[in-house]
Amino acid sequence: MFNFLPAKLIGFLSLTLYTLNTIFWLLPILVFSLLKALIPIKRSQKIFSYLLDLMATSWVAMNTLNQKLFTQFEIQITGLEALNRKDWYLVLANHQSWVDIVVLQRALHGQIPFLKFFLKKELIYVPILGLAWWALDFPFMKRYSQSSLKNNPHLKGKDLDTTRKACAKFKHKPVSVMSFIEGTRYTQEKYNKQNSPFNHLLKPKAGGIAFVLDAMGEHLNTIVDVTIHYPDGIPTFIDFLCGRVKKVQVEVHTTEITKELNGDYFNNRDFKIYFQKWLTQFWHDKDVRLKNMMQKSTGK
């Protein structure tokens, strides 16, 4: 609607609206999170969790409206027909830009439960945001380094138990947990340094995703495999705010989480080898998919 304005002005107005929307929803989220913490009754906490997710979903909806007002980029999505809001999902996507998060929220909004990211347990102590993440039931992970386990053998298995307890709340409430398993955003420099065996992706980190699957076990049914492509080149978030992103392509594919994908990755050598082979093939298929998307967008 306002794309006739200068790019810098669009960026300023868009950022202002994002900020106001975040503050508007953050305040009630903090209030309800305090109530949730102060009233440790199971039924009450369940009600608060649903209300908090509704607020977070409304925040995403307003962000989408912001994009339609100022940036007006075209988003082409395929594969949503296989999704629903009453299932439990693990969402995996390639990672190229901070814009990926906004794209994922918009593409999957209303199609699956509100996206939640796995966070390091230490982040719960971040002022204000830590409380909001806890209130929104973002799962916190506690990982011990190999050196810590060597010096403190009694800690072995404690990290997995901590994450399992954090995920227990998802047993009766559908959830979508999100992970960028490359561990960092794609750049040509990182790609070259890794000597990646893939054409357009960095190497996936098998340990982290195996840990998530083992911790959540029965609570996850399906992997939502999201492939994101920017036909005009990988944008910065500033590019996105200023309306310079004109088109985004998103392909969604689903994969059943079978019992073969649950196991002790760190102590069972056979399972570790099996899981690494499975993930390599999974990532190779995504690499081919991304290559096809690039070829279609360029007409080559």
C-alpha atoms as a PDB file:
ATOM      1  CA  MET A   1       0.000   0.000   0.000  1.00  0.00           C
ATOM      2  CA  PHE A   2       2.832   2.383   0.908  1.00  0.00           C
ATOM      3  CA  ASN A   3       5.489   0.939  -1.404  1.00  0.00           C
ATOM      4  CA  PHE A   4       5.594   4.234  -3.330  1.00  0.00           C
ATOM      5  CA  LEU A   5       7.481   5.804  -0.413  1.00  0.00           C
ATOM      6  CA  PRO A   6      11.307   6.031  -0.335  1.00  0.00           C
ATOM      7  CA  ALA A   7      12.975   2.813   0.825  1.00  0.00           C
ATOM      8  CA  LYS A   8      14.524   4.366   3.939  1.00  0.00           C
ATOM      9  CA  LEU A   9      11.182   5.807   5.027  1.00  0.00           C
ATOM     10  CA  ILE A  10       9.500   2.444   4.456  1.00  0.00           C
ATOM     11  CA  GLY A  11      12.196   0.835   6.608  1.00  0.00           C
ATOM     12  CA  PHE A  12      11.684   3.361   9.399  1.00  0.00           C
ATOM     13  CA  LEU A  13       7.883   3.041   9.392  1.00  0.00           C
ATOM     14  CA  SER A  14       8.007  -0.743   9.170  1.00  0.00           C
ATOM     15  CA  LEU A  15      10.502  -1.024  12.051  1.00  0.00           C
ATOM     16  CA  THR A  16       8.386   1.378  14.125  1.00  0.00           C
ATOM     17  CA  LEU A  17       5.281  -0.755  13.594  1.00  0.00           C
ATOM     18  CA  TYR A  18       7.183  -3.954  14.433  1.00  0.00           C
ATOM     19  CA  THR A  19       8.408  -2.324  17.649  1.00  0.00           C
ATOM     20  CA  LEU A  20       4.985  -1.013  18.681  1.00  0.00           C
ATOM     21  CA  ASN A  21       3.371  -4.382  17.927  1.00  0.00           C
ATOM     22  CA  THR A  22       5.990  -6.183  20.015  1.00  0.00           C
ATOM     23  CA  ILE A  23       5.550  -3.836  22.977  1.00  0.00           C
ATOM     24  CA  PHE A  24       1.751  -4.055  22.708  1.00  0.00           C
ATOM     25  CA  TRP A  25       1.748  -7.857  22.995  1.00  0.00           C
ATOM     26  CA  LEU A  26       4.759  -8.182  25.275  1.00  0.00           C
ATOM     27  CA  LEU A  27       3.011  -6.374  28.138  1.00  0.00           C
ATOM     28  CA  PRO A  28       0.013  -8.742  28.445  1.00  0.00           C
ATOM     29  CA  ILE A  29       2.341 -11.710  27.833  1.00  0.00           C
ATOM     30  CA  LEU A  30       4.440 -10.630  30.820  1.00  0.00           C
ATOM     31  CA  VAL A  31       1.342 -10.115  32.988  1.00  0.00           C
ATOM     32  CA  PHE A  32      -0.057 -13.551  32.171  1.00  0.00           C
ATOM     33  CA  SER A  33       3.381 -15.130  32.548  1.00  0.00           C
ATOM     34  CA  LEU A  34       3.577 -13.765  36.102  1.00  0.00           C
ATOM     35  CA  LEU A  35       0.111 -15.145  36.831  1.00  0.00           C
ATOM     36  CA  LYS A  36       1.177 -18.474  35.405  1.00  0.00           C
ATOM     37  CA  ALA A  37       4.226 -18.486  37.691  1.00  0.00           C
ATOM     38  CA  LEU A  38       2.268 -17.413  40.787  1.00  0.00           C
ATOM     39  CA  ILE A  39      -0.630 -19.859  40.329  1.00  0.00           C
ATOM     40  CA  PRO A  40       1.015 -23.303  40.045  1.00  0.00           C
ATOM     41  CA  ILE A  41      -2.271 -25.110  39.444  1.00  0.00           C
ATOM     42  CA  LYS A  42      -2.095 -27.513  36.504  1.00  0.00           C
ATOM     43  CA  ARG A  43      -5.455 -26.524  34.988  1.00  0.00           C
ATOM     44  CA  SER A  44      -4.744 -22.806  35.381  1.00  0.00           C
ATOM     45  CA  GLN A  45      -1.319 -23.139  33.799  1.00  0.00           C
ATOM     46  CA  LYS A  46      -2.836 -24.990  30.846  1.00  0.00           C
ATOM     47  CA  ILE A  47      -5.368 -22.179  30.325  1.00  0.00           C
ATOM     48  CA  PHE A  48      -2.624 -19.546  30.612  1.00  0.00           C
ATOM     49  CA  SER A  49      -0.499 -21.449  28.067  1.00  0.00           C
ATOM     50  CA  TYR A  50      -3.315 -21.397  25.500  1.00  0.00           C
ATOM     51  CA  LEU A  51      -3.988 -17.691  26.106  1.00  0.00           C
ATOM     52  CA  LEU A  52      -0.291 -16.857  25.794  1.00  0.00           C
ATOM     53  CA  ASP A  53      -0.016 -18.784  22.534  1.00  0.00           C
ATOM     54  CA  LEU A  54      -3.052 -16.885  21.243  1.00  0.00           C
ATOM     55  CA  MET A  55      -1.324 -13.594  22.043  1.00  0.00           C
ATOM     56  CA  ALA A  56       1.877 -14.714  20.313  1.00  0.00           C
ATOM     57  CA  THR A  57      -0.133 -15.806  17.275  1.00  0.00           C
ATOM     58  CA  SER A  58      -1.829 -12.399  17.182  1.00  0.00           C
ATOM     59  CA  TRP A  59       1.622 -10.779  17.280  1.00  0.00           C
ATOM     60  CA  VAL A  60       2.585 -12.775  14.158  1.00  0.00           C
ATOM     61  CA  ALA A  61      -0.690 -11.785  12.444  1.00  0.00           C
ATOM     62  CA  MET A  62       0.009  -8.094  13.056  1.00  0.00           C
ATOM     63  CA  ASN A  63       3.557  -8.487  11.743  1.00  0.00           C
ATOM     64  CA  THR A  64       2.099  -9.988   8.568  1.00  0.00           C
ATOM     65  CA  LEU A  65      -0.224  -6.984   8.232  1.00  0.00           C
ATOM     66  CA  ASN A  66       2.815  -4.730   8.612  1.00  0.00           C
ATOM     67  CA  GLN A  67       4.510  -6.562   5.726  1.00  0.00           C
ATOM     68  CA  LYS A  68       1.444  -6.199   3.515  1.00  0.00           C
ATOM     69  CA  LEU A  69       1.280  -2.466   4.254  1.00  0.00           C
ATOM     70  CA  PHE A  70       4.914  -1.591   3.647  1.00  0.00           C
ATOM     71  CA  THR A  71       7.013  -4.336   2.049  1.00  0.00           C
ATOM     72  CA  GLN A  72       4.413  -6.209  -0.035  1.00  0.00           C
ATOM     73  CA  PHE A  73       6.728  -9.034  -1.014  1.00  0.00           C
ATOM     74  CA  GLU A  74       5.230 -11.974  -2.903  1.00  0.00           C
ATOM     75  CA  ILE A  75       5.449 -15.268  -1.028  1.00  0.00           C
ATOM     76  CA  GLN A  76       4.903 -18.464  -3.011  1.00  0.00           C
ATOM     77  CA  ILE A  77       4.185 -21.490  -0.814  1.00  0.00           C
ATOM     78  CA  THR A  78       3.552 -25.118  -1.701  1.00  0.00           C
ATOM     79  CA  GLY A  79       2.853 -28.135   0.517  1.00  0.00           C
ATOM     80  CA  LEU A  80       0.673 -26.573   3.225  1.00  0.00           C
ATOM     81  CA  GLU A  81      -2.222 -28.953   2.525  1.00  0.00           C
ATOM     82  CA  ALA A  82      -0.474 -31.714   4.520  1.00  0.00           C
ATOM     83  CA  LEU A  83      -0.462 -29.641   7.736  1.00  0.00           C
ATOM     84  CA  ASN A  84      -2.955 -29.011  10.524  1.00  0.00           C
ATOM     85  CA  ARG A  85      -3.028 -27.189  13.864  1.00  0.00           C
ATOM     86  CA  LYS A  86      -3.750 -30.272  15.970  1.00  0.00           C
ATOM     87  CA  ASP A  87      -0.547 -32.199  15.371  1.00  0.00           C
ATOM     88  CA  TRP A  88       2.921 -32.213  16.910  1.00  0.00           C
ATOM     89  CA  TYR A  89       5.718 -31.067  14.558  1.00  0.00           C
ATOM     90  CA  LEU A  90       9.470 -30.665  14.361  1.00  0.00           C
ATOM     91  CA  VAL A  91      10.170 -27.892  11.839  1.00  0.00           C
ATOM     92  CA  LEU A  92      13.533 -27.957  10.041  1.00  0.00           C
ATOM     93  CA  ALA A  93      14.629 -25.307   7.540  1.00  0.00           C
ATOM     94  CA  ASN A  94      17.697 -24.083   5.702  1.00  0.00           C
ATOM     95  CA  HIS A  95      19.095 -20.855   7.158  1.00  0.00           C
ATOM     96  CA  GLN A  96      20.331 -17.966   5.014  1.00  0.00           C
ATOM     97  CA  SER A  97      19.144 -14.755   6.691  1.00  0.00           C
ATOM     98  CA  TRP A  98      17.373 -13.382   9.782  1.00  0.00           C
ATOM     99  CA  VAL A  99      14.501 -12.872   7.341  1.00  0.00           C
ATOM    100  CA  ASP A 100      14.009 -16.658   7.439  1.00  0.00           C
ATOM    101  CA  ILE A 101      12.335 -16.370  10.847  1.00  0.00           C
ATOM    102  CA  VAL A 102       9.787 -13.826   9.605  1.00  0.00           C
ATOM    103  CA  VAL A 103       9.151 -15.900   6.478  1.00  0.00           C
ATOM    104  CA  LEU A 104       8.616 -19.078   8.514  1.00  0.00           C
ATOM    105  CA  GLN A 105       6.213 -17.353  10.891  1.00  0.00           C
ATOM    106  CA  ARG A 106       4.196 -15.932   8.020  1.00  0.00           C
ATOM    107  CA  ALA A 107       4.213 -19.083   5.863  1.00  0.00           C
ATOM    108  CA  LEU A 108       3.186 -21.411   8.708  1.00  0.00           C
ATOM    109  CA  HIS A 109       0.869 -19.018  10.544  1.00  0.00           C
ATOM    110  CA  GLY A 110      -2.485 -20.690  11.135  1.00  0.00           C
ATOM    111  CA  GLN A 111      -1.283 -23.921   9.520  1.00  0.00           C
ATOM    112  CA  ILE A 112       0.463 -25.487  12.523  1.00  0.00           C
ATOM    113  CA  PRO A 113       0.744 -24.635  16.248  1.00  0.00           C
ATOM    114  CA  PHE A 114       2.748 -21.505  17.106  1.00  0.00           C
ATOM    115  CA  LEU A 115       6.466 -21.983  16.372  1.00  0.00           C
ATOM    116  CA  LYS A 116       8.714 -22.459  19.398  1.00  0.00           C
ATOM    117  CA  PHE A 117      12.496 -22.474  19.273  1.00  0.00           C
ATOM    118  CA  PHE A 118      14.784 -24.610  21.427  1.00  0.00           C
ATOM    119  CA  LEU A 119      16.836 -22.298  23.636  1.00  0.00           C
ATOM    120  CA  LYS A 120      19.872 -22.744  25.847  1.00  0.00           C
ATOM    121  CA  LYS A 121      18.783 -23.003  29.481  1.00  0.00           C
ATOM    122  CA  GLU A 122      20.937 -19.988  30.396  1.00  0.00           C
ATOM    123  CA  LEU A 123      18.676 -17.745  28.260  1.00  0.00           C
ATOM    124  CA  ILE A 124      15.858 -18.091  30.781  1.00  0.00           C
ATOM    125  CA  TYR A 125      17.719 -15.468  32.835  1.00  0.00           C
ATOM    126  CA  VAL A 126      17.591 -12.822  30.067  1.00  0.00           C
ATOM    127  CA  PRO A 127      15.619  -9.893  31.537  1.00  0.00           C
ATOM    128  CA  ILE A 128      11.954  -9.793  30.452  1.00  0.00           C
ATOM    129  CA  LEU A 129      12.459 -12.012  27.397  1.00  0.00           C
ATOM    130  CA  GLY A 130      13.480 -15.030  29.482  1.00  0.00           C
ATOM    131  CA  LEU A 131      10.208 -14.821  31.389  1.00  0.00           C
ATOM    132  CA  ALA A 132       8.243 -14.410  28.139  1.00  0.00           C
ATOM    133  CA  TRP A 133       9.954 -17.429  26.547  1.00  0.00           C
ATOM    134  CA  TRP A 134       9.243 -19.502  29.654  1.00  0.00           C
ATOM    135  CA  ALA A 135       5.612 -18.375  29.668  1.00  0.00           C
ATOM    136  CA  LEU A 136       5.242 -19.285  25.984  1.00  0.00           C
ATOM    137  CA  ASP A 137       6.596 -22.770  26.799  1.00  0.00           C
ATOM    138  CA  PHE A 138       9.742 -22.450  24.698  1.00  0.00           C
ATOM    139  CA  PRO A 139      11.741 -25.591  25.565  1.00  0.00           C
ATOM    140  CA  PHE A 140      15.044 -24.898  27.308  1.00  0.00           C
ATOM    141  CA  MET A 141      17.925 -27.293  26.699  1.00  0.00           C
ATOM    142  CA  LYS A 142      20.746 -28.014  29.131  1.00  0.00           C
ATOM    143  CA  ARG A 143      23.855 -29.455  27.476  1.00  0.00           C
ATOM    144  CA  TYR A 144      27.031 -30.481  29.293  1.00  0.00           C
ATOM    145  CA  SER A 145      30.342 -30.464  27.456  1.00  0.00           C
ATOM    146  CA  GLN A 146      32.400 -33.646  27.148  1.00  0.00           C
ATOM    147  CA  SER A 147      34.991 -32.170  29.526  1.00  0.00           C
ATOM    148  CA  SER A 148      32.288 -31.453  32.140  1.00  0.00           C
ATOM    149  CA  LEU A 149      30.986 -35.016  31.886  1.00  0.00           C
ATOM    150  CA  LYS A 150      34.528 -36.377  32.189  1.00  0.00           C
ATOM    151  CA  ASN A 151      35.130 -34.426  35.399  1.00  0.00           C
ATOM    152  CA  ASN A 152      31.592 -35.005  36.714  1.00  0.00           C
ATOM    153  CA  PRO A 153      30.397 -38.475  35.620  1.00  0.00           C
ATOM    154  CA  HIS A 154      27.244 -38.151  37.753  1.00  0.00           C
ATOM    155  CA  LEU A 155      25.975 -35.517  35.284  1.00  0.00           C
ATOM    156  CA  LYS A 156      25.749 -38.048  32.457  1.00  0.00           C
ATOM    157  CA  GLY A 157      22.175 -38.166  31.166  1.00  0.00           C
ATOM    158  CA  LYS A 158      21.093 -35.167  33.257  1.00  0.00           C
ATOM    159  CA  ASP A 159      20.948 -32.855  30.217  1.00  0.00           C
ATOM    160  CA  LEU A 160      18.539 -35.192  28.445  1.00  0.00           C
ATOM    161  CA  ASP A 161      16.387 -35.536  31.565  1.00  0.00           C
ATOM    162  CA  THR A 162      16.214 -31.737  31.908  1.00  0.00           C
ATOM    163  CA  THR A 163      15.052 -31.328  28.313  1.00  0.00           C
ATOM    164  CA  ARG A 164      12.539 -34.182  28.644  1.00  0.00           C
ATOM    165  CA  LYS A 165      10.990 -32.476  31.661  1.00  0.00           C
ATOM    166  CA  ALA A 166      10.842 -29.180  29.763  1.00  0.00           C
ATOM    167  CA  CYS A 167       9.018 -30.932  26.919  1.00  0.00           C
ATOM    168  CA  ALA A 168       6.600 -32.865  29.137  1.00  0.00           C
ATOM    169  CA  LYS A 169       4.072 -30.015  28.906  1.00  0.00           C
ATOM    170  CA  PHE A 170       3.685 -30.765  25.187  1.00  0.00           C
ATOM    171  CA  LYS A 171       2.149 -34.183  25.850  1.00  0.00           C
ATOM    172  CA  HIS A 172      -1.381 -32.790  25.989  1.00  0.00           C
ATOM    173  CA  LYS A 173      -0.925 -29.664  23.866  1.00  0.00           C
ATOM    174  CA  PRO A 174       0.043 -29.673  20.153  1.00  0.00           C
ATOM    175  CA  VAL A 175       3.316 -27.885  19.471  1.00  0.00           C
ATOM    176  CA  SER A 176       5.701 -26.958  16.667  1.00  0.00           C
ATOM    177  CA  VAL A 177       9.362 -26.796  17.648  1.00  0.00           C
ATOM    178  CA  MET A 178      11.798 -25.172  15.243  1.00  0.00           C
ATOM    179  CA  SER A 179      15.473 -25.803  14.560  1.00  0.00           C
ATOM    180  CA  PHE A 180      18.008 -24.480  12.044  1.00  0.00           C
ATOM    181  CA  ILE A 181      20.215 -27.561  12.019  1.00  0.00           C
ATOM    182  CA  GLU A 182      23.027 -25.939  10.041  1.00  0.00           C
ATOM    183  CA  GLY A 183      23.667 -24.024  13.253  1.00  0.00           C
ATOM    184  CA  THR A 184      24.421 -20.746  11.488  1.00  0.00           C
ATOM    185  CA  ARG A 185      23.384 -18.678   8.477  1.00  0.00           C
ATOM    186  CA  TYR A 186      24.692 -19.719   5.077  1.00  0.00           C
ATOM    187  CA  THR A 187      27.447 -17.588   3.531  1.00  0.00           C
ATOM    188  CA  GLN A 188      29.871 -18.449   0.754  1.00  0.00           C
ATOM    189  CA  GLU A 189      32.773 -18.001   3.174  1.00  0.00           C
ATOM    190  CA  LYS A 190      31.313 -20.497   5.674  1.00  0.00           C
ATOM    191  CA  TYR A 191      30.483 -22.882   2.834  1.00  0.00           C
ATOM    192  CA  ASN A 192      34.069 -22.813   1.556  1.00  0.00           C
ATOM    193  CA  LYS A 193      35.541 -23.156   5.055  1.00  0.00           C
ATOM    194  CA  GLN A 194      33.397 -26.219   5.761  1.00  0.00           C
ATOM    195  CA  ASN A 195      34.170 -27.788   2.388  1.00  0.00           C
ATOM    196  CA  SER A 196      30.478 -28.721   2.423  1.00  0.00           C
ATOM    197  CA  PRO A 197      29.524 -31.793   0.358  1.00  0.00           C
ATOM    198  CA  PHE A 198      26.250 -30.079  -0.586  1.00  0.00           C
ATOM    199  CA  ASN A 199      25.776 -27.604  -3.421  1.00  0.00           C
ATOM    200  CA  HIS A 200      23.774 -24.903  -1.640  1.00  0.00           C
ATOM    201  CA  LEU A 201      23.713 -25.866   2.046  1.00  0.00           C
ATOM    202  CA  LEU A 202      26.054 -26.022   4.999  1.00  0.00           C
ATOM    203  CA  LYS A 203      26.595 -29.297   6.834  1.00  0.00           C
ATOM    204  CA  PRO A 204      23.739 -30.220   9.208  1.00  0.00           C
ATOM    205  CA  LYS A 205      24.573 -30.816  12.884  1.00  0.00           C
ATOM    206  CA  ALA A 206      23.381 -34.337  13.645  1.00  0.00           C
ATOM    207  CA  GLY A 207      23.979 -34.289  17.410  1.00  0.00           C
ATOM    208  CA  GLY A 208      21.607 -31.448  18.190  1.00  0.00           C
ATOM    209  CA  ILE A 209      18.663 -32.776  16.205  1.00  0.00           C
ATOM    210  CA  ALA A 210      19.192 -36.332  17.506  1.00  0.00           C
ATOM    211  CA  PHE A 211      19.157 -34.906  21.038  1.00  0.00           C
ATOM    212  CA  VAL A 212      15.843 -33.133  20.358  1.00  0.00           C
ATOM    213  CA  LEU A 213      14.219 -36.252  18.903  1.00  0.00           C
ATOM    214  CA  ASP A 214      15.404 -38.371  21.823  1.00  0.00           C
ATOM    215  CA  ALA A 215      14.260 -35.813  24.396  1.00  0.00           C
ATOM    216  CA  MET A 216      10.810 -35.287  22.899  1.00  0.00           C
ATOM    217  CA  GLY A 217      10.338 -38.867  21.738  1.00  0.00           C
ATOM    218  CA  GLU A 218       6.634 -39.680  21.690  1.00  0.00           C
ATOM    219  CA  HIS A 219       5.627 -35.982  21.631  1.00  0.00           C
ATOM    220  CA  LEU A 220       6.623 -35.465  17.979  1.00  0.00           C
ATOM    221  CA  ASN A 221       4.895 -37.118  15.032  1.00  0.00           C
ATOM    222  CA  THR A 222       6.100 -35.372  11.888  1.00  0.00           C
ATOM    223  CA  ILE A 223       9.068 -33.432  10.507  1.00  0.00           C
ATOM    224  CA  VAL A 224       8.023 -30.334   8.556  1.00  0.00           C
ATOM    225  CA  ASP A 225      10.846 -29.806   6.086  1.00  0.00           C
ATOM    226  CA  VAL A 226      10.808 -26.182   4.885  1.00  0.00           C
ATOM    227  CA  THR A 227      13.032 -25.015   2.018  1.00  0.00           C
ATOM    228  CA  ILE A 228      13.370 -21.236   1.564  1.00  0.00           C
ATOM    229  CA  HIS A 229      14.683 -19.573  -1.586  1.00  0.00           C
ATOM    230  CA  TYR A 230      15.172 -15.858  -2.333  1.00  0.00           C
ATOM    231  CA  PRO A 231      15.136 -15.456  -6.160  1.00  0.00           C
ATOM    232  CA  ASP A 232      16.722 -11.987  -5.994  1.00  0.00           C
ATOM    233  CA  GLY A 233      19.546 -13.035  -3.687  1.00  0.00           C
ATOM    234  CA  ILE A 234      19.881 -13.580   0.069  1.00  0.00           C
ATOM    235  CA  PRO A 235      18.639 -10.394   1.794  1.00  0.00           C
ATOM    236  CA  THR A 236      19.639  -8.680   5.008  1.00  0.00           C
ATOM    237  CA  PHE A 237      16.942  -7.752   7.506  1.00  0.00           C
ATOM    238  CA  ILE A 238      17.455  -4.101   6.535  1.00  0.00           C
ATOM    239  CA  ASP A 239      16.702  -5.029   2.915  1.00  0.00           C
ATOM    240  CA  PHE A 240      13.518  -6.687   4.125  1.00  0.00           C
ATOM    241  CA  LEU A 241      12.421  -3.716   6.252  1.00  0.00           C
ATOM    242  CA  CYS A 242      13.003  -1.315   3.348  1.00  0.00           C
ATOM    243  CA  GLY A 243      10.888  -3.340   0.932  1.00  0.00           C
ATOM    244  CA  ARG A 244      13.753  -4.526  -1.256  1.00  0.00           C
ATOM    245  CA  VAL A 245      12.684  -8.185  -0.997  1.00  0.00           C
ATOM    246  CA  LYS A 246      10.167  -8.719  -3.807  1.00  0.00           C
ATOM    247  CA  LYS A 247       9.656 -12.479  -3.842  1.00  0.00           C
ATOM    248  CA  VAL A 248      10.214 -15.472  -1.553  1.00  0.00           C
ATOM    249  CA  GLN A 249       9.628 -19.096  -2.489  1.00  0.00           C
ATOM    250  CA  VAL A 250       8.819 -21.705   0.155  1.00  0.00           C
ATOM    251  CA  GLU A 251       8.395 -25.447  -0.311  1.00  0.00           C
ATOM    252  CA  VAL A 252       7.002 -27.574   2.525  1.00  0.00           C
ATOM    253  CA  HIS A 253       7.434 -31.342   2.717  1.00  0.00           C
ATOM    254  CA  THR A 254       6.549 -33.685   5.565  1.00  0.00           C
ATOM    255  CA  THR A 255       8.381 -36.757   6.846  1.00  0.00           C
ATOM    256  CA  GLU A 256       7.043 -39.183   9.437  1.00  0.00           C
ATOM    257  CA  ILE A 257       9.152 -39.500  12.593  1.00  0.00           C
ATOM    258  CA  THR A 258       9.545 -43.265  12.938  1.00  0.00           C
ATOM    259  CA  LYS A 259      10.849 -45.161  15.950  1.00  0.00           C
ATOM    260  CA  GLU A 260      14.119 -45.727  14.061  1.00  0.00           C
ATOM    261  CA  LEU A 261      14.927 -42.013  14.508  1.00  0.00           C
ATOM    262  CA  ASN A 262      14.811 -42.233  18.308  1.00  0.00           C
ATOM    263  CA  GLY A 263      17.931 -43.497  20.040  1.00  0.00           C
ATOM    264  CA  ASP A 264      20.974 -42.689  22.143  1.00  0.00           C
ATOM    265  CA  TYR A 265      23.101 -40.754  19.643  1.00  0.00           C
ATOM    266  CA  PHE A 266      25.936 -40.080  22.087  1.00  0.00           C
ATOM    267  CA  ASN A 267      26.402 -43.578  23.511  1.00  0.00           C
ATOM    268  CA  ASN A 268      25.117 -45.979  20.848  1.00  0.00           C
ATOM    269  CA  ARG A 269      27.636 -46.100  17.990  1.00  0.00           C
ATOM    270  CA  ASP A 270      25.393 -48.067  15.629  1.00  0.00           C
ATOM    271  CA  PHE A 271      22.545 -45.610  16.071  1.00  0.00           C
ATOM    272  CA  LYS A 272      24.910 -42.671  15.620  1.00  0.00           C
ATOM    273  CA  ILE A 273      26.093 -44.061  12.266  1.00  0.00           C
ATOM    274  CA  TYR A 274      22.512 -44.786  11.175  1.00  0.00           C
ATOM    275  CA  PHE A 275      21.287 -41.321  12.159  1.00  0.00           C
ATOM    276  CA  GLN A 276      24.145 -39.535  10.412  1.00  0.00           C
ATOM    277  CA  LYS A 277      23.419 -41.464   7.198  1.00  0.00           C
ATOM    278  CA  TRP A 278      19.721 -40.668   7.464  1.00  0.00           C
ATOM    279  CA  LEU A 279      20.357 -36.961   8.057  1.00  0.00           C
ATOM    280  CA  THR A 280      22.889 -36.770   5.200  1.00  0.00           C
ATOM    281  CA  GLN A 281      20.303 -38.195   2.806  1.00  0.00           C
ATOM    282  CA  PHE A 282      17.597 -35.922   4.228  1.00  0.00           C
ATOM    283  CA  TRP A 283      19.840 -32.887   3.667  1.00  0.00           C
ATOM    284  CA  HIS A 284      20.877 -34.065   0.207  1.00  0.00           C
ATOM    285  CA  ASP A 285      17.195 -34.215  -0.802  1.00  0.00           C
ATOM    286  CA  LYS A 286      16.764 -30.646   0.442  1.00  0.00           C
ATOM    287  CA  ASP A 287      19.850 -29.580  -1.500  1.00  0.00           C
ATOM    288  CA  VAL A 288      18.354 -31.002  -4.717  1.00  0.00           C
ATOM    289  CA  ARG A 289      15.042 -29.305  -3.943  1.00  0.00           C
ATOM    290  CA  LEU A 290      16.747 -25.941  -3.428  1.00  0.00           C
ATOM    291  CA  LYS A 291      18.714 -26.382  -6.665  1.00  0.00           C
ATOM    292  CA  ASN A 292      15.479 -27.031  -8.569  1.00  0.00           C
ATOM    293  CA  MET A 293      13.888 -23.934  -7.036  1.00  0.00           C
ATOM    294  CA  MET A 294      16.862 -21.836  -8.137  1.00  0.00           C
ATOM    295  CA  GLN A 295      16.725 -23.199 -11.679  1.00  0.00           C
ATOM    296  CA  LYS A 296      12.990 -22.546 -11.990  1.00  0.00           C
ATOM    297  CA  SER A 297      13.338 -18.972 -10.734  1.00  0.00           C
ATOM    298  CA  THR A 298      16.065 -18.198 -13.290  1.00  0.00           C
ATOM    299  CA  GLY A 299      14.453 -20.156 -16.135  1.00  0.00           C
ATOM    300  CA  LYS A 300      17.586 -22.269 -16.602  1.00  0.00           C
END
